[in-house]
C-alpha atoms as a PDB file:
ATOM      1  CA  UNK A   1      34.403 -71.989 -68.452  1.00  0.00           C
ATOM      2  CA  UNK A   2      36.703 -69.378 -67.310  1.00  0.00           C
ATOM      3  CA  UNK A   3      35.868 -67.541 -63.661  1.00  0.00           C
ATOM      4  CA  UNK A   4      34.432 -63.999 -63.830  1.00  0.00           C
ATOM      5  CA  UNK A   5      36.348 -61.052 -62.497  1.00  0.00           C
ATOM      6  CA  UNK A   6      34.874 -59.190 -59.573  1.00  0.00           C
ATOM      7  CA  UNK A   7      34.659 -56.080 -61.287  1.00  0.00           C
ATOM      8  CA  UNK A   8      31.958 -57.381 -63.483  1.00  0.00           C
ATOM      9  CA  UNK A   9      29.629 -57.643 -60.422  1.00  0.00           C
ATOM     10  CA  UNK A  10      30.026 -53.669 -59.906  1.00  0.00           C
ATOM     11  CA  UNK A  11      29.092 -50.860 -62.178  1.00  0.00           C
ATOM     12  CA  UNK A  12      31.742 -48.761 -63.159  1.00  0.00           C
ATOM     13  CA  UNK A  13      32.348 -45.312 -61.353  1.00  0.00           C
ATOM     14  CA  UNK A  14      31.132 -43.216 -64.234  1.00  0.00           C
ATOM     15  CA  UNK A  15      27.744 -44.839 -64.401  1.00  0.00           C
ATOM     16  CA  UNK A  16      26.505 -44.520 -60.567  1.00  0.00           C
ATOM     17  CA  UNK A  17      24.387 -41.431 -61.422  1.00  0.00           C
ATOM     18  CA  UNK A  18      21.079 -42.483 -62.973  1.00  0.00           C
ATOM     19  CA  UNK A  19      19.865 -41.393 -66.370  1.00  0.00           C
ATOM     20  CA  UNK A  20      16.649 -39.090 -66.085  1.00  0.00           C
ATOM     21  CA  UNK A  21      14.354 -39.288 -68.923  1.00  0.00           C
ATOM     22  CA  UNK A  22      14.949 -36.233 -71.160  1.00  0.00           C
ATOM     23  CA  UNK A  23      12.268 -33.852 -71.364  1.00  0.00           C
ATOM     24  CA  UNK A  24      11.299 -31.522 -74.601  1.00  0.00           C
ATOM     25  CA  UNK A  25      12.865 -28.292 -74.189  1.00  0.00           C
ATOM     26  CA  UNK A  26       9.779 -26.214 -74.783  1.00  0.00           C
ATOM     27  CA  UNK A  27       7.798 -28.187 -72.490  1.00  0.00           C
ATOM     28  CA  UNK A  28      10.444 -27.926 -69.533  1.00  0.00           C
ATOM     29  CA  UNK A  29      10.979 -23.995 -70.073  1.00  0.00           C
ATOM     30  CA  UNK A  30       7.007 -23.427 -70.021  1.00  0.00           C
ATOM     31  CA  UNK A  31       6.900 -25.410 -66.871  1.00  0.00           C
ATOM     32  CA  UNK A  32       9.804 -23.689 -65.140  1.00  0.00           C
ATOM     33  CA  UNK A  33       8.335 -20.301 -66.246  1.00  0.00           C
ATOM     34  CA  UNK A  34       4.933 -21.006 -64.509  1.00  0.00           C
ATOM     35  CA  UNK A  35       6.496 -22.209 -61.226  1.00  0.00           C
ATOM     36  CA  UNK A  36       8.750 -18.901 -61.207  1.00  0.00           C
ATOM     37  CA  UNK A  37       5.457 -17.080 -61.741  1.00  0.00           C
ATOM     38  CA  UNK A  38       3.546 -18.722 -58.886  1.00  0.00           C
ATOM     39  CA  UNK A  39       6.402 -17.983 -56.634  1.00  0.00           C
ATOM     40  CA  UNK A  40       6.517 -14.474 -57.609  1.00  0.00           C
ATOM     41  CA  UNK A  41       3.220 -14.136 -57.314  1.00  0.00           C
ATOM     42  CA  UNK A  42       2.966 -15.546 -53.619  1.00  0.00           C
ATOM     43  CA  UNK A  43       5.888 -13.533 -52.495  1.00  0.00           C
ATOM     44  CA  UNK A  44       4.716 -10.622 -54.176  1.00  0.00           C
ATOM     45  CA  UNK A  45       8.136  -9.667 -55.797  1.00  0.00           C
ATOM     46  CA  UNK A  46       6.950  -8.226 -59.167  1.00  0.00           C
ATOM     47  CA  UNK A  47       6.132  -4.521 -59.233  1.00  0.00           C
ATOM     48  CA  UNK A  48       2.478  -3.923 -59.156  1.00  0.00           C
ATOM     49  CA  UNK A  49       0.469  -0.837 -59.929  1.00  0.00           C
ATOM     50  CA  UNK A  50      -0.889   1.543 -57.107  1.00  0.00           C
ATOM     51  CA  UNK A  51      -4.220   0.489 -55.841  1.00  0.00           C
ATOM     52  CA  UNK A  52      -4.050  -2.975 -57.528  1.00  0.00           C
ATOM     53  CA  UNK A  53      -4.523  -6.320 -55.320  1.00  0.00           C
ATOM     54  CA  UNK A  54      -0.824  -6.872 -55.336  1.00  0.00           C
ATOM     55  CA  UNK A  55      -0.378  -3.502 -53.445  1.00  0.00           C
ATOM     56  CA  UNK A  56      -2.715  -4.216 -50.857  1.00  0.00           C
ATOM     57  CA  UNK A  57      -1.257  -7.667 -50.014  1.00  0.00           C
ATOM     58  CA  UNK A  58       2.411  -6.242 -50.118  1.00  0.00           C
ATOM     59  CA  UNK A  59       1.530  -3.774 -47.303  1.00  0.00           C
ATOM     60  CA  UNK A  60      -0.116  -6.641 -45.342  1.00  0.00           C
ATOM     61  CA  UNK A  61       2.756  -8.582 -45.443  1.00  0.00           C
ATOM     62  CA  UNK A  62       5.153  -5.770 -44.566  1.00  0.00           C
ATOM     63  CA  UNK A  63       2.932  -4.536 -41.412  1.00  0.00           C
ATOM     64  CA  UNK A  64       5.053  -4.177 -38.294  1.00  0.00           C
ATOM     65  CA  UNK A  65       4.738  -7.249 -36.051  1.00  0.00           C
ATOM     66  CA  UNK A  66       3.592  -6.837 -32.390  1.00  0.00           C
ATOM     67  CA  UNK A  67       5.879  -8.284 -29.936  1.00  0.00           C
ATOM     68  CA  UNK A  68       4.930  -9.844 -26.680  1.00  0.00           C
ATOM     69  CA  UNK A  69       6.660  -9.968 -23.472  1.00  0.00           C
ATOM     70  CA  UNK A  70       7.285 -13.460 -21.969  1.00  0.00           C
ATOM     71  CA  UNK A  71       8.349 -14.050 -18.717  1.00  0.00           C
ATOM     72  CA  UNK A  72       9.664 -17.265 -16.533  1.00  0.00           C
ATOM     73  CA  UNK A  73       7.787 -18.491 -13.707  1.00  0.00           C
ATOM     74  CA  UNK A  74      10.498 -19.807 -11.329  1.00  0.00           C
ATOM     75  CA  UNK A  75       8.473 -19.757  -8.134  1.00  0.00           C
ATOM     76  CA  UNK A  76       8.513 -16.165  -7.284  1.00  0.00           C
ATOM     77  CA  UNK A  77       5.892 -14.860  -4.692  1.00  0.00           C
ATOM     78  CA  UNK A  78       5.177 -11.942  -6.474  1.00  0.00           C
ATOM     79  CA  UNK A  79       5.168 -13.509 -10.074  1.00  0.00           C
ATOM     80  CA  UNK A  80       1.569 -12.329 -11.166  1.00  0.00           C
ATOM     81  CA  UNK A  81       0.632  -9.503  -8.450  1.00  0.00           C
ATOM     82  CA  UNK A  82       2.746  -7.249  -6.562  1.00  0.00           C
ATOM     83  CA  UNK A  83       1.824  -5.726  -3.164  1.00  0.00           C
ATOM     84  CA  UNK A  84       2.708  -2.320  -2.273  1.00  0.00           C
ATOM     85  CA  UNK A  85       4.627  -1.636   0.922  1.00  0.00           C
ATOM     86  CA  UNK A  86       2.838   1.637   1.628  1.00  0.00           C
ATOM     87  CA  UNK A  87      -0.604   1.390   0.521  1.00  0.00           C
ATOM     88  CA  UNK A  88      -1.238  -2.336   0.443  1.00  0.00           C
ATOM     89  CA  UNK A  89      -2.620  -2.603  -3.177  1.00  0.00           C
ATOM     90  CA  UNK A  90      -2.076  -5.501  -5.252  1.00  0.00           C
ATOM     91  CA  UNK A  91      -1.320  -4.865  -8.959  1.00  0.00           C
ATOM     92  CA  UNK A  92       0.558  -6.135 -12.006  1.00  0.00           C
ATOM     93  CA  UNK A  93       4.153  -4.678 -12.638  1.00  0.00           C
ATOM     94  CA  UNK A  94       4.475  -3.860 -16.282  1.00  0.00           C
ATOM     95  CA  UNK A  95       0.790  -3.474 -17.138  1.00  0.00           C
ATOM     96  CA  UNK A  96       0.221   0.035 -18.098  1.00  0.00           C
ATOM     97  CA  UNK A  97      -3.542   0.125 -16.643  1.00  0.00           C
ATOM     98  CA  UNK A  98      -2.709  -1.411 -13.246  1.00  0.00           C
ATOM     99  CA  UNK A  99       0.442   0.880 -12.933  1.00  0.00           C
ATOM    100  CA  UNK A 100      -1.791   3.918 -13.238  1.00  0.00           C
ATOM    101  CA  UNK A 101      -4.353   2.734 -10.941  1.00  0.00           C
ATOM    102  CA  UNK A 102      -1.571   2.073  -8.660  1.00  0.00           C
ATOM    103  CA  UNK A 103      -0.191   5.441  -8.911  1.00  0.00           C
ATOM    104  CA  UNK A 104      -3.666   7.140  -8.190  1.00  0.00           C
ATOM    105  CA  UNK A 105      -4.338   5.048  -5.276  1.00  0.00           C
ATOM    106  CA  UNK A 106      -1.210   5.377  -4.110  1.00  0.00           C
ATOM    107  CA  UNK A 107      -1.264   9.084  -3.945  1.00  0.00           C
ATOM    108  CA  UNK A 108      -4.645   9.522  -2.530  1.00  0.00           C
ATOM    109  CA  UNK A 109      -3.630   6.979   0.359  1.00  0.00           C
ATOM    110  CA  UNK A 110      -0.469   8.716   1.156  1.00  0.00           C
ATOM    111  CA  UNK A 111      -1.104  12.290   0.478  1.00  0.00           C
ATOM    112  CA  UNK A 112      -5.077  12.525   0.941  1.00  0.00           C
ATOM    113  CA  UNK A 113      -8.197  12.310  -1.270  1.00  0.00           C
ATOM    114  CA  UNK A 114      -8.942  15.089  -3.853  1.00  0.00           C
ATOM    115  CA  UNK A 115     -11.457  17.425  -2.549  1.00  0.00           C
ATOM    116  CA  UNK A 116     -12.318  20.675  -4.513  1.00  0.00           C
ATOM    117  CA  UNK A 117     -14.693  21.849  -2.058  1.00  0.00           C
ATOM    118  CA  UNK A 118     -18.631  22.366  -1.728  1.00  0.00           C
ATOM    119  CA  UNK A 119     -20.797  25.273  -1.844  1.00  0.00           C
ATOM    120  CA  UNK A 120     -22.516  24.935   1.624  1.00  0.00           C
ATOM    121  CA  UNK A 121     -19.781  23.575   3.672  1.00  0.00           C
ATOM    122  CA  UNK A 122     -20.289  23.172   7.493  1.00  0.00           C
ATOM    123  CA  UNK A 123     -17.064  24.549   8.758  1.00  0.00           C
ATOM    124  CA  UNK A 124     -16.248  23.887  12.483  1.00  0.00           C
ATOM    125  CA  UNK A 125     -12.948  25.016  12.837  1.00  0.00           C
ATOM    126  CA  UNK A 126     -10.706  27.212  10.102  1.00  0.00           C
ATOM    127  CA  UNK A 127      -7.407  28.742  11.118  1.00  0.00           C
ATOM    128  CA  UNK A 128      -7.213  32.186   9.816  1.00  0.00           C
ATOM    129  CA  UNK A 129      -3.494  31.985   8.630  1.00  0.00           C
ATOM    130  CA  UNK A 130      -4.050  29.161   6.383  1.00  0.00           C
ATOM    131  CA  UNK A 131      -6.510  27.374   4.023  1.00  0.00           C
ATOM    132  CA  UNK A 132      -6.865  24.573   6.389  1.00  0.00           C
ATOM    133  CA  UNK A 133     -10.463  23.869   7.693  1.00  0.00           C
ATOM    134  CA  UNK A 134     -12.444  21.070   9.251  1.00  0.00           C
ATOM    135  CA  UNK A 135     -15.707  20.125   7.965  1.00  0.00           C
ATOM    136  CA  UNK A 136     -18.802  18.377   9.839  1.00  0.00           C
ATOM    137  CA  UNK A 137     -20.704  15.796   7.762  1.00  0.00           C
ATOM    138  CA  UNK A 138     -23.975  14.469   9.051  1.00  0.00           C
ATOM    139  CA  UNK A 139     -26.643  12.006   7.742  1.00  0.00           C
ATOM    140  CA  UNK A 140     -28.924  14.956   6.525  1.00  0.00           C
ATOM    141  CA  UNK A 141     -26.152  16.491   4.216  1.00  0.00           C
ATOM    142  CA  UNK A 142     -26.389  16.344   0.233  1.00  0.00           C
ATOM    143  CA  UNK A 143     -25.779  12.994  -1.368  1.00  0.00           C
ATOM    144  CA  UNK A 144     -22.386  14.777  -2.864  1.00  0.00           C
ATOM    145  CA  UNK A 145     -21.371  15.403   0.766  1.00  0.00           C
ATOM    146  CA  UNK A 146     -21.994  11.732   1.791  1.00  0.00           C
ATOM    147  CA  UNK A 147     -20.457  10.397  -1.474  1.00  0.00           C
ATOM    148  CA  UNK A 148     -17.261  11.876  -0.757  1.00  0.00           C
ATOM    149  CA  UNK A 149     -17.384  10.990   3.007  1.00  0.00           C
ATOM    150  CA  UNK A 150     -18.124   7.247   1.937  1.00  0.00           C
ATOM    151  CA  UNK A 151     -14.669   7.369  -0.192  1.00  0.00           C
ATOM    152  CA  UNK A 152     -12.798   8.520   2.765  1.00  0.00           C
ATOM    153  CA  UNK A 153     -14.492   5.961   5.104  1.00  0.00           C
ATOM    154  CA  UNK A 154     -13.528   3.152   2.584  1.00  0.00           C
ATOM    155  CA  UNK A 155      -9.998   4.009   3.276  1.00  0.00           C
ATOM    156  CA  UNK A 156     -10.257   3.910   7.017  1.00  0.00           C
ATOM    157  CA  UNK A 157     -12.212   0.805   6.990  1.00  0.00           C
ATOM    158  CA  UNK A 158      -9.394  -0.731   5.122  1.00  0.00           C
ATOM    159  CA  UNK A 159      -6.553   0.354   7.244  1.00  0.00           C
ATOM    160  CA  UNK A 160      -8.170  -0.112  10.639  1.00  0.00           C
ATOM    161  CA  UNK A 161      -9.579  -3.560  10.175  1.00  0.00           C
ATOM    162  CA  UNK A 162     -13.294  -2.640   9.882  1.00  0.00           C
ATOM    163  CA  UNK A 163     -15.891  -4.544   7.867  1.00  0.00           C
ATOM    164  CA  UNK A 164     -17.295  -3.012   4.782  1.00  0.00           C
ATOM    165  CA  UNK A 165     -20.398  -0.427   5.840  1.00  0.00           C
ATOM    166  CA  UNK A 166     -19.389  -1.078   9.706  1.00  0.00           C
ATOM    167  CA  UNK A 167     -17.864   2.322  10.551  1.00  0.00           C
ATOM    168  CA  UNK A 168     -20.649   4.574   9.781  1.00  0.00           C
ATOM    169  CA  UNK A 169     -24.295   4.671  10.695  1.00  0.00           C
ATOM    170  CA  UNK A 170     -26.872   7.439  10.844  1.00  0.00           C
ATOM    171  CA  UNK A 171     -26.342   8.746  14.222  1.00  0.00           C
ATOM    172  CA  UNK A 172     -22.579   9.437  13.509  1.00  0.00           C
ATOM    173  CA  UNK A 173     -21.125  12.869  12.911  1.00  0.00           C
ATOM    174  CA  UNK A 174     -17.868  12.719  10.523  1.00  0.00           C
ATOM    175  CA  UNK A 175     -15.167  15.340  10.622  1.00  0.00           C
ATOM    176  CA  UNK A 176     -12.999  15.930   7.686  1.00  0.00           C
ATOM    177  CA  UNK A 177      -9.425  18.053   7.947  1.00  0.00           C
ATOM    178  CA  UNK A 178      -8.970  19.700   4.481  1.00  0.00           C
ATOM    179  CA  UNK A 179      -5.484  20.909   3.475  1.00  0.00           C
ATOM    180  CA  UNK A 180      -4.217  21.799   0.172  1.00  0.00           C
ATOM    181  CA  UNK A 181      -7.547  20.534  -1.873  1.00  0.00           C
ATOM    182  CA  UNK A 182      -7.099  17.009  -0.088  1.00  0.00           C
ATOM    183  CA  UNK A 183      -8.840  15.335   2.789  1.00  0.00           C
ATOM    184  CA  UNK A 184      -6.029  14.484   5.163  1.00  0.00           C
ATOM    185  CA  UNK A 185      -7.638  13.408   8.289  1.00  0.00           C
ATOM    186  CA  UNK A 186     -11.343  12.145   9.474  1.00  0.00           C
ATOM    187  CA  UNK A 187     -12.465  11.576  12.555  1.00  0.00           C
ATOM    188  CA  UNK A 188     -15.991   9.541  13.150  1.00  0.00           C
ATOM    189  CA  UNK A 189     -17.937  10.066  16.542  1.00  0.00           C
ATOM    190  CA  UNK A 190     -21.244   8.813  17.889  1.00  0.00           C
ATOM    191  CA  UNK A 191     -23.474   9.648  20.811  1.00  0.00           C
ATOM    192  CA  UNK A 192     -22.988   7.533  24.033  1.00  0.00           C
ATOM    193  CA  UNK A 193     -24.355   6.974  27.286  1.00  0.00           C
ATOM    194  CA  UNK A 194     -21.802   5.667  29.431  1.00  0.00           C
ATOM    195  CA  UNK A 195     -18.035   4.574  29.719  1.00  0.00           C
ATOM    196  CA  UNK A 196     -15.461   2.750  31.650  1.00  0.00           C
ATOM    197  CA  UNK A 197     -12.332   4.239  32.839  1.00  0.00           C
ATOM    198  CA  UNK A 198      -8.842   2.696  32.115  1.00  0.00           C
ATOM    199  CA  UNK A 199      -7.038   1.104  34.951  1.00  0.00           C
ATOM    200  CA  UNK A 200      -3.488   2.512  34.918  1.00  0.00           C
ATOM    201  CA  UNK A 201      -0.434   1.474  36.853  1.00  0.00           C
ATOM    202  CA  UNK A 202       1.439   3.779  39.040  1.00  0.00           C
ATOM    203  CA  UNK A 203       4.095   5.613  37.160  1.00  0.00           C
ATOM    204  CA  UNK A 204       7.812   4.540  38.075  1.00  0.00           C
ATOM    205  CA  UNK A 205      10.327   7.391  37.111  1.00  0.00           C
ATOM    206  CA  UNK A 206      12.935   4.759  36.322  1.00  0.00           C
ATOM    207  CA  UNK A 207      10.601   2.345  34.565  1.00  0.00           C
ATOM    208  CA  UNK A 208      11.469   3.466  31.069  1.00  0.00           C
ATOM    209  CA  UNK A 209      15.165   4.649  31.714  1.00  0.00           C
ATOM    210  CA  UNK A 210      17.993   2.708  30.968  1.00  0.00           C
ATOM    211  CA  UNK A 211      20.850   3.619  32.927  1.00  0.00           C
ATOM    212  CA  UNK A 212      24.282   2.418  32.664  1.00  0.00           C
ATOM    213  CA  UNK A 213      26.043   1.850  35.983  1.00  0.00           C
ATOM    214  CA  UNK A 214      29.629   0.976  36.564  1.00  0.00           C
ATOM    215  CA  UNK A 215      30.837  -1.634  38.817  1.00  0.00           C
ATOM    216  CA  UNK A 216      31.042  -0.723  42.280  1.00  0.00           C
ATOM    217  CA  UNK A 217      33.966  -2.754  42.699  1.00  0.00           C
ATOM    218  CA  UNK A 218      37.482  -1.176  41.617  1.00  0.00           C
ATOM    219  CA  UNK A 219      37.903  -1.417  37.779  1.00  0.00           C
ATOM    220  CA  UNK A 220      40.195  -4.222  36.529  1.00  0.00           C
ATOM    221  CA  UNK A 221      43.206  -2.589  35.006  1.00  0.00           C
ATOM    222  CA  UNK A 222      45.635  -4.491  32.610  1.00  0.00           C
ATOM    223  CA  UNK A 223      48.986  -3.334  31.106  1.00  0.00           C
ATOM    224  CA  UNK A 224      49.827  -3.858  27.506  1.00  0.00           C
ATOM    225  CA  UNK A 225      53.527  -3.099  26.374  1.00  0.00           C
ATOM    226  CA  UNK A 226      54.482  -2.457  22.811  1.00  0.00           C
ATOM    227  CA  UNK A 227      58.353  -2.066  22.873  1.00  0.00           C
ATOM    228  CA  UNK A 228      59.152   0.810  25.191  1.00  0.00           C
ATOM    229  CA  UNK A 229      55.487   2.147  24.980  1.00  0.00           C
ATOM    230  CA  UNK A 230      53.163   0.799  27.973  1.00  0.00           C
ATOM    231  CA  UNK A 231      49.528   0.968  27.612  1.00  0.00           C
ATOM    232  CA  UNK A 232      47.020   1.032  30.643  1.00  0.00           C
ATOM    233  CA  UNK A 233      43.705  -0.830  29.629  1.00  0.00           C
ATOM    234  CA  UNK A 234      40.753  -0.044  32.231  1.00  0.00           C
ATOM    235  CA  UNK A 235      37.533  -2.463  31.810  1.00  0.00           C
ATOM    236  CA  UNK A 236      34.415  -1.022  33.137  1.00  0.00           C
ATOM    237  CA  UNK A 237      31.637  -3.385  33.630  1.00  0.00           C
ATOM    238  CA  UNK A 238      28.204  -1.885  32.497  1.00  0.00           C
ATOM    239  CA  UNK A 239      24.579  -3.237  33.561  1.00  0.00           C
ATOM    240  CA  UNK A 240      20.985  -2.084  32.893  1.00  0.00           C
ATOM    241  CA  UNK A 241      18.906  -0.751  35.773  1.00  0.00           C
ATOM    242  CA  UNK A 242      16.430  -3.212  37.006  1.00  0.00           C
ATOM    243  CA  UNK A 243      12.711  -2.522  36.264  1.00  0.00           C
ATOM    244  CA  UNK A 244      10.583  -3.595  39.349  1.00  0.00           C
ATOM    245  CA  UNK A 245       7.354  -2.134  37.887  1.00  0.00           C
ATOM    246  CA  UNK A 246       4.382  -4.405  36.497  1.00  0.00           C
ATOM    247  CA  UNK A 247       4.227  -5.151  32.921  1.00  0.00           C
ATOM    248  CA  UNK A 248       2.100  -2.495  30.831  1.00  0.00           C
ATOM    249  CA  UNK A 249      -1.330  -3.986  30.112  1.00  0.00           C
ATOM    250  CA  UNK A 250      -1.042  -2.753  26.583  1.00  0.00           C
ATOM    251  CA  UNK A 251       1.956  -4.917  25.635  1.00  0.00           C
ATOM    252  CA  UNK A 252      -0.154  -8.017  25.565  1.00  0.00           C
ATOM    253  CA  UNK A 253      -2.990  -6.195  23.795  1.00  0.00           C
ATOM    254  CA  UNK A 254      -5.319  -6.519  26.607  1.00  0.00           C
ATOM    255  CA  UNK A 255      -7.529  -3.403  27.748  1.00  0.00           C
ATOM    256  CA  UNK A 256      -8.372  -3.382  31.595  1.00  0.00           C
ATOM    257  CA  UNK A 257     -11.116  -1.341  32.585  1.00  0.00           C
ATOM    258  CA  UNK A 258     -13.007  -0.522  35.902  1.00  0.00           C
ATOM    259  CA  UNK A 259     -16.443  -2.212  36.072  1.00  0.00           C
ATOM    260  CA  UNK A 260     -17.992   0.893  37.327  1.00  0.00           C
ATOM    261  CA  UNK A 261     -19.545   2.957  34.482  1.00  0.00           C
ATOM    262  CA  UNK A 262     -19.224   6.618  34.095  1.00  0.00           C
ATOM    263  CA  UNK A 263     -21.618   8.872  32.406  1.00  0.00           C
ATOM    264  CA  UNK A 264     -20.378  10.015  28.856  1.00  0.00           C
ATOM    265  CA  UNK A 265     -21.868  11.913  25.995  1.00  0.00           C
ATOM    266  CA  UNK A 266     -19.473  11.373  22.743  1.00  0.00           C
ATOM    267  CA  UNK A 267     -17.416   8.512  21.749  1.00  0.00           C
ATOM    268  CA  UNK A 268     -14.624   8.544  19.163  1.00  0.00           C
ATOM    269  CA  UNK A 269     -15.479   5.640  17.026  1.00  0.00           C
ATOM    270  CA  UNK A 270     -12.426   5.871  14.764  1.00  0.00           C
ATOM    271  CA  UNK A 271      -9.810   8.469  13.944  1.00  0.00           C
ATOM    272  CA  UNK A 272      -7.487   8.358  11.017  1.00  0.00           C
ATOM    273  CA  UNK A 273      -4.509  10.844   9.481  1.00  0.00           C
ATOM    274  CA  UNK A 274      -2.843  10.144   6.089  1.00  0.00           C
ATOM    275  CA  UNK A 275       0.588   9.045   6.313  1.00  0.00           C
ATOM    276  CA  UNK A 276       2.489  11.859   5.250  1.00  0.00           C
ATOM    277  CA  UNK A 277       0.606  14.559   7.752  1.00  0.00           C
ATOM    278  CA  UNK A 278       0.950  12.544  10.649  1.00  0.00           C
ATOM    279  CA  UNK A 279       2.584  13.777  13.913  1.00  0.00           C
ATOM    280  CA  UNK A 280       1.660  17.303  12.860  1.00  0.00           C
ATOM    281  CA  UNK A 281      -1.252  17.843  15.561  1.00  0.00           C
ATOM    282  CA  UNK A 282      -3.947  17.050  13.163  1.00  0.00           C
ATOM    283  CA  UNK A 283      -5.612  14.340  15.355  1.00  0.00           C
ATOM    284  CA  UNK A 284      -5.735  16.885  18.200  1.00  0.00           C
ATOM    285  CA  UNK A 285      -7.408  19.470  16.082  1.00  0.00           C
ATOM    286  CA  UNK A 286     -10.175  17.138  14.824  1.00  0.00           C
ATOM    287  CA  UNK A 287     -10.921  16.205  18.736  1.00  0.00           C
ATOM    288  CA  UNK A 288     -11.013  19.806  19.461  1.00  0.00           C
ATOM    289  CA  UNK A 289     -13.430  20.254  16.674  1.00  0.00           C
ATOM    290  CA  UNK A 290     -15.539  17.331  17.829  1.00  0.00           C
ATOM    291  CA  UNK A 291     -15.756  18.525  21.695  1.00  0.00           C
ATOM    292  CA  UNK A 292     -16.609  21.991  20.130  1.00  0.00           C
ATOM    293  CA  UNK A 293     -19.367  20.972  17.687  1.00  0.00           C
ATOM    294  CA  UNK A 294     -20.783  17.655  19.017  1.00  0.00           C
ATOM    295  CA  UNK A 295     -23.368  19.049  21.154  1.00  0.00           C
ATOM    296  CA  UNK A 296     -24.991  22.064  20.365  1.00  0.00           C
ATOM    297  CA  UNK A 297     -25.861  23.313  23.822  1.00  0.00           C
ATOM    298  CA  UNK A 298     -22.214  23.175  25.152  1.00  0.00           C
ATOM    299  CA  UNK A 299     -18.663  22.311  24.652  1.00  0.00           C
ATOM    300  CA  UNK A 300     -17.835  18.837  25.860  1.00  0.00           C
ATOM    301  CA  UNK A 301     -15.039  18.277  28.405  1.00  0.00           C
ATOM    302  CA  UNK A 302     -12.196  15.788  28.090  1.00  0.00           C
ATOM    303  CA  UNK A 303     -13.972  13.568  30.947  1.00  0.00           C
ATOM    304  CA  UNK A 304     -17.159  13.510  28.693  1.00  0.00           C
ATOM    305  CA  UNK A 305     -15.431  11.948  25.644  1.00  0.00           C
ATOM    306  CA  UNK A 306     -14.705   8.291  25.552  1.00  0.00           C
ATOM    307  CA  UNK A 307     -12.647   6.466  22.886  1.00  0.00           C
ATOM    308  CA  UNK A 308     -13.600   2.617  21.351  1.00  0.00           C
ATOM    309  CA  UNK A 309     -10.969   0.173  22.288  1.00  0.00           C
ATOM    310  CA  UNK A 310      -7.786   1.657  20.592  1.00  0.00           C
ATOM    311  CA  UNK A 311      -4.689   0.203  19.135  1.00  0.00           C
ATOM    312  CA  UNK A 312      -1.298   0.987  20.395  1.00  0.00           C
ATOM    313  CA  UNK A 313      -1.149   4.286  18.444  1.00  0.00           C
ATOM    314  CA  UNK A 314      -4.632   5.194  19.455  1.00  0.00           C
ATOM    315  CA  UNK A 315      -3.611   4.748  23.034  1.00  0.00           C
ATOM    316  CA  UNK A 316      -0.818   7.017  22.734  1.00  0.00           C
ATOM    317  CA  UNK A 317      -3.143   9.532  21.218  1.00  0.00           C
ATOM    318  CA  UNK A 318      -5.729   9.383  24.071  1.00  0.00           C
ATOM    319  CA  UNK A 319      -2.923   9.241  26.495  1.00  0.00           C
ATOM    320  CA  UNK A 320      -1.505  12.685  25.002  1.00  0.00           C
ATOM    321  CA  UNK A 321      -4.684  14.255  24.573  1.00  0.00           C
ATOM    322  CA  UNK A 322      -6.375  13.550  27.793  1.00  0.00           C
ATOM    323  CA  UNK A 323      -2.901  13.957  29.768  1.00  0.00           C
ATOM    324  CA  UNK A 324      -3.567  10.816  31.758  1.00  0.00           C
ATOM    325  CA  UNK A 325      -3.560   7.078  31.182  1.00  0.00           C
ATOM    326  CA  UNK A 326      -7.211   6.843  33.068  1.00  0.00           C
ATOM    327  CA  UNK A 327      -8.971   8.051  29.953  1.00  0.00           C
ATOM    328  CA  UNK A 328     -12.543   6.519  29.275  1.00  0.00           C
ATOM    329  CA  UNK A 329     -12.967   3.658  27.128  1.00  0.00           C
ATOM    330  CA  UNK A 330     -16.644   2.586  25.578  1.00  0.00           C
ATOM    331  CA  UNK A 331     -17.877  -0.498  24.125  1.00  0.00           C
ATOM    332  CA  UNK A 332     -20.778  -1.369  22.022  1.00  0.00           C
ATOM    333  CA  UNK A 333     -23.336  -1.999  24.650  1.00  0.00           C
ATOM    334  CA  UNK A 334     -22.475   1.751  25.983  1.00  0.00           C
ATOM    335  CA  UNK A 335     -24.080   3.484  23.152  1.00  0.00           C
END
């Protein structure tokens, strides 16, 4: 028996494609037309009459998409909330509502709280050449006056570190400085019975001065030569004047007072001025208005007014206003 050729085990190259069963022409065209019709109906490619269902679906398909902004969290400290360096409010950047709230809060914190005025204001001091005035608010005043005062008190409590509702009580008298339809300063005072005098160190004239002194010895001179030109260089040693006085008590945050109590009538519980109006004498005007109107029978002297344990800025204000480092400080037990 003759051996079969190897080509007999493989199909010819022209027979690689499989033959598909033939389909009647009419049935194939009908099926293709039905498929095309369904595709056109889904894609809404055929023209439709106005007001038909196809027109409504076309509007929905062509509606503009709303794109959302995505962010990458890579360990940023302020990824979700950002803290303002001026007003301290935390808000989400890019959020329209948060940006609006921060803008209003920042303006009131930095420039003052809006104030349209009252019909029956208790004006304590009003310079004639300006519209600025200082108003006094007590616990018996109308609710509208106290609501505005409470809004100011919230700013003070947050900045000075008081707890909510701790600063103001029924015996307090509040003084509001109004300028340009905004409350730019506030002082809260309360009646007290006694206070203690701050212990001050003797002033040293050279305690705060930095003096540059040259060395008493003969200055060191050297010669530099560049070609035919000689340069004489003189070296002078400089040193700072030594300070032999004791360290100020406020550096370490300690308030040293005398044990002996002195009689006092008014205590400054807190005083606050908005940042853009500081160093303009508003705090001193508030203190003057307080001494003038706190007692109905007389104007108080500086020696009859005391301050609550102040901060470094409060100490500077008390020293400047009383013109002495031995001003009065009162505690909660002295009320």
